[in-house]
N, C-alpha and C. Protein backbone atom coordinates (compact mmCIF):
# COMPACT_ATOMS: atom_id res chain seq x y z
N MET A 1 20.57 73.66 -63.51
CA MET A 1 21.01 72.92 -62.80
C MET A 1 19.48 71.73 -62.49
N VAL A 2 19.76 70.45 -62.64
CA VAL A 2 18.05 69.74 -61.89
C VAL A 2 18.71 69.75 -60.14
N LYS A 3 17.29 70.05 -59.59
CA LYS A 3 17.16 69.64 -58.54
C LYS A 3 16.34 68.99 -58.18
N PHE A 4 16.80 67.82 -57.46
CA PHE A 4 15.54 67.08 -57.06
C PHE A 4 16.01 66.74 -55.16
N VAL A 5 14.34 67.60 -54.61
CA VAL A 5 14.58 67.54 -53.04
C VAL A 5 13.31 66.97 -52.71
N LYS A 6 13.37 66.58 -51.06
CA LYS A 6 12.57 65.93 -50.59
C LYS A 6 11.66 67.05 -49.70
N VAL A 7 10.45 67.20 -49.95
CA VAL A 7 9.76 68.75 -49.90
C VAL A 7 9.08 67.98 -48.42
N ASP A 8 8.62 66.61 -48.38
CA ASP A 8 7.87 66.12 -47.24
C ASP A 8 8.29 64.88 -47.28
N GLU A 9 6.99 64.30 -46.29
CA GLU A 9 7.55 62.92 -46.12
C GLU A 9 6.56 62.36 -47.39
N GLY A 10 7.14 62.14 -47.79
CA GLY A 10 6.55 61.31 -49.46
C GLY A 10 6.22 62.11 -50.65
N LYS A 11 7.10 63.39 -51.07
CA LYS A 11 6.70 64.21 -51.64
C LYS A 11 7.74 64.32 -51.96
N TYR A 12 8.23 64.58 -53.07
CA TYR A 12 9.66 65.27 -53.65
C TYR A 12 9.05 66.21 -55.01
N ILE A 13 10.31 67.30 -55.08
CA ILE A 13 10.25 67.88 -56.28
C ILE A 13 11.32 68.02 -57.25
N LEU A 14 10.99 67.71 -58.61
CA LEU A 14 12.41 67.57 -59.59
C LEU A 14 12.22 68.57 -60.20
N ASP A 15 13.15 69.51 -60.77
CA ASP A 15 13.07 70.47 -61.24
C ASP A 15 14.01 70.94 -62.51
N VAL A 16 13.62 70.45 -63.39
CA VAL A 16 14.13 70.93 -64.79
C VAL A 16 13.78 71.61 -65.54
N ARG A 17 13.87 72.99 -65.02
CA ARG A 17 13.28 74.18 -65.72
C ARG A 17 14.46 74.46 -66.70
N GLY A 18 14.68 74.67 -67.90
CA GLY A 18 15.85 74.98 -68.57
C GLY A 18 16.60 73.94 -69.04
N TYR A 19 15.41 72.50 -69.28
CA TYR A 19 16.05 71.61 -69.89
C TYR A 19 15.02 71.26 -70.88
N THR A 20 15.01 70.89 -72.33
CA THR A 20 14.59 70.25 -73.29
C THR A 20 14.51 68.77 -73.29
N CYS A 21 13.42 68.26 -74.22
CA CYS A 21 13.23 66.87 -74.50
C CYS A 21 14.33 65.95 -75.07
N PRO A 22 14.89 65.53 -74.63
CA PRO A 22 14.35 64.31 -74.04
C PRO A 22 14.99 64.33 -72.33
N TYR A 23 15.83 65.21 -71.85
CA TYR A 23 16.26 65.61 -70.46
C TYR A 23 14.95 65.13 -69.61
N PRO A 24 13.89 66.23 -69.25
CA PRO A 24 12.94 65.92 -68.14
C PRO A 24 12.56 64.65 -68.19
N VAL A 25 12.40 63.92 -69.48
CA VAL A 25 11.87 62.22 -69.29
C VAL A 25 12.82 61.69 -68.55
N ILE A 26 14.24 62.05 -68.95
CA ILE A 26 15.38 61.07 -68.45
C ILE A 26 15.22 60.98 -66.85
N TYR A 27 15.38 62.22 -66.74
CA TYR A 27 15.29 62.99 -64.93
C TYR A 27 14.48 62.49 -64.46
N THR A 28 13.57 62.73 -64.71
CA THR A 28 11.72 61.99 -64.35
C THR A 28 12.35 60.41 -64.04
N LYS A 29 12.58 59.97 -64.47
CA LYS A 29 12.47 58.43 -65.26
C LYS A 29 13.66 58.27 -64.04
N LYS A 30 14.94 58.56 -63.53
CA LYS A 30 15.91 58.33 -62.41
C LYS A 30 15.30 58.90 -61.34
N ALA A 31 13.90 59.78 -61.25
CA ALA A 31 13.93 60.10 -59.85
C ALA A 31 12.70 59.50 -59.53
N LEU A 32 11.81 58.69 -60.17
CA LEU A 32 10.82 58.08 -60.06
C LEU A 32 11.44 56.77 -59.48
N ALA A 33 12.72 56.47 -60.27
CA ALA A 33 13.44 55.16 -59.56
C ALA A 33 14.18 54.98 -58.02
N LYS A 34 13.79 56.29 -57.71
CA LYS A 34 14.66 56.35 -55.98
C LYS A 34 13.24 56.58 -55.03
N LEU A 35 12.20 56.48 -56.05
CA LEU A 35 10.75 56.78 -54.70
C LEU A 35 10.30 55.75 -54.50
N ASN A 36 9.20 54.86 -53.29
CA ASN A 36 9.03 54.31 -52.79
C ASN A 36 7.54 54.16 -53.30
N LYS A 37 6.74 53.05 -53.29
CA LYS A 37 5.35 53.16 -54.08
C LYS A 37 4.81 53.98 -53.41
N GLY A 38 3.85 54.83 -54.11
CA GLY A 38 2.86 55.54 -52.99
C GLY A 38 3.20 56.89 -52.60
N GLU A 39 4.66 57.35 -52.82
CA GLU A 39 5.27 58.51 -52.95
C GLU A 39 5.28 59.28 -54.20
N ILE A 40 4.77 61.01 -54.00
CA ILE A 40 4.57 61.95 -54.73
C ILE A 40 5.78 62.36 -55.59
N LEU A 41 5.89 62.45 -56.68
CA LEU A 41 6.93 63.24 -57.77
C LEU A 41 6.23 64.53 -58.01
N GLU A 42 6.51 65.87 -58.31
CA GLU A 42 6.01 66.76 -58.63
C GLU A 42 7.05 67.62 -59.59
N VAL A 43 6.75 67.15 -61.03
CA VAL A 43 8.22 67.45 -61.97
C VAL A 43 7.69 69.40 -62.42
N LEU A 44 8.49 70.10 -62.15
CA LEU A 44 8.46 71.52 -62.57
C LEU A 44 9.33 71.67 -63.86
N THR A 45 8.12 71.67 -65.15
CA THR A 45 9.54 72.17 -66.74
C THR A 45 8.54 72.99 -66.89
N ASP A 46 9.88 73.94 -67.95
CA ASP A 46 9.18 75.34 -68.72
C ASP A 46 8.87 74.87 -70.04
N ASN A 47 9.45 73.67 -70.71
CA ASN A 47 9.40 73.09 -71.81
C ASN A 47 7.76 72.53 -72.14
N PRO A 48 7.29 73.21 -73.45
CA PRO A 48 5.75 72.76 -73.26
C PRO A 48 5.75 71.00 -73.62
N PRO A 49 6.53 70.70 -74.53
CA PRO A 49 6.44 69.32 -75.00
C PRO A 49 6.77 68.78 -73.76
N SER A 50 7.35 69.21 -73.01
CA SER A 50 7.53 68.39 -71.62
C SER A 50 6.01 67.57 -70.95
N CYS A 51 5.42 68.81 -71.20
CA CYS A 51 3.88 68.28 -70.58
C CYS A 51 2.92 67.30 -71.18
N GLU A 52 3.76 66.98 -72.20
CA GLU A 52 3.05 65.63 -72.79
C GLU A 52 3.95 64.09 -72.65
N ASN A 53 5.08 64.55 -73.35
CA ASN A 53 6.23 63.65 -72.89
C ASN A 53 6.46 63.29 -71.96
N VAL A 54 6.76 63.96 -70.42
CA VAL A 54 6.64 63.14 -69.08
C VAL A 54 5.65 62.50 -68.69
N PRO A 55 4.49 62.78 -68.54
CA PRO A 55 3.76 61.66 -68.45
C PRO A 55 3.08 60.40 -68.97
N ARG A 56 3.67 60.95 -70.24
CA ARG A 56 3.43 59.53 -71.26
C ARG A 56 4.54 58.86 -70.71
N ALA A 57 5.75 59.02 -70.65
CA ALA A 57 6.55 57.81 -70.33
C ALA A 57 6.40 57.14 -68.99
N ALA A 58 6.06 57.88 -67.68
CA ALA A 58 5.63 57.99 -66.49
C ALA A 58 4.67 56.73 -66.67
N LYS A 59 3.63 57.18 -67.71
CA LYS A 59 2.24 56.31 -67.41
C LYS A 59 2.76 55.02 -68.31
N GLU A 60 3.51 55.10 -69.01
CA GLU A 60 4.30 53.39 -69.95
C GLU A 60 5.04 52.93 -68.99
N GLU A 61 5.60 53.46 -67.82
CA GLU A 61 6.31 52.76 -66.74
C GLU A 61 5.59 52.33 -65.50
N GLY A 62 3.99 52.73 -65.25
CA GLY A 62 3.13 52.40 -64.54
C GLY A 62 2.57 53.21 -63.39
N GLN A 63 3.05 54.21 -63.80
CA GLN A 63 2.92 55.48 -63.14
C GLN A 63 1.63 56.05 -62.91
N ASP A 64 0.96 56.83 -61.96
CA ASP A 64 -0.33 57.24 -61.99
C ASP A 64 0.27 58.67 -62.32
N ILE A 65 -0.56 59.32 -62.94
CA ILE A 65 -0.49 61.23 -63.05
C ILE A 65 -1.77 61.62 -62.73
N LEU A 66 -1.36 62.13 -61.49
CA LEU A 66 -2.75 63.21 -60.66
C LEU A 66 -2.96 64.19 -61.57
N SER A 67 -1.92 64.87 -61.95
CA SER A 67 -2.17 66.43 -62.98
C SER A 67 -1.08 66.93 -63.72
N VAL A 68 -1.76 67.46 -64.61
CA VAL A 68 -0.59 68.54 -65.41
C VAL A 68 -1.02 69.98 -65.03
N GLU A 69 -0.48 70.57 -64.36
CA GLU A 69 -1.35 72.52 -64.32
C GLU A 69 0.18 73.21 -64.65
N ASN A 70 -0.81 74.42 -65.23
CA ASN A 70 0.11 75.25 -65.43
C ASN A 70 0.37 76.43 -63.73
N VAL A 71 1.10 76.57 -63.29
CA VAL A 71 1.43 77.41 -62.07
C VAL A 71 2.04 78.38 -62.41
N GLU A 72 2.29 78.95 -63.48
CA GLU A 72 2.79 80.20 -63.41
C GLU A 72 2.98 80.67 -65.03
N ARG A 73 3.55 81.51 -65.67
CA ARG A 73 3.67 82.12 -66.81
C ARG A 73 4.80 80.79 -67.62
N GLY A 74 4.41 80.03 -68.21
CA GLY A 74 5.52 80.03 -68.96
C GLY A 74 6.21 78.34 -67.66
N VAL A 75 5.46 78.11 -66.98
CA VAL A 75 5.80 76.83 -65.85
C VAL A 75 4.66 75.87 -65.92
N TRP A 76 5.10 74.44 -65.54
CA TRP A 76 4.39 73.26 -65.69
C TRP A 76 4.78 72.74 -64.34
N LYS A 77 3.13 72.34 -63.69
CA LYS A 77 4.10 71.38 -62.55
C LYS A 77 3.38 70.07 -63.02
N ILE A 78 4.06 68.66 -62.93
CA ILE A 78 3.16 67.32 -63.48
C ILE A 78 3.56 66.47 -62.46
N THR A 79 2.52 66.17 -61.38
CA THR A 79 2.33 65.63 -60.78
C THR A 79 1.97 64.02 -60.48
N ILE A 80 3.11 63.06 -60.41
CA ILE A 80 2.83 61.65 -60.66
C ILE A 80 3.24 61.32 -59.08
N VAL A 81 2.45 59.74 -59.07
CA VAL A 81 2.35 58.85 -57.74
C VAL A 81 2.91 57.83 -58.14
N LYS A 82 4.06 57.28 -57.50
CA LYS A 82 4.82 56.20 -57.77
C LYS A 82 4.12 54.96 -57.48
N ARG A 83 4.11 54.04 -58.35
CA ARG A 83 3.43 52.61 -58.53
C ARG A 83 4.26 51.78 -58.50
């Protein structure tokens, strides 16, 4: 199940572990639509292609990618700033 939670003022986490593309991209776009300019979205994924597809889709929509990092074995965190 996809989890979208506010963890701090202006910071949200979207957990799409267990989903393969295109779903992480779709859920990321939906989550970003709910954010205000300057807010941060951290996307957690365990699908390696999402590490390229999610940032590319976000950049195409004008968002800034702060980082893509391996946070534990088989799990990546993609940090995006809404523009």
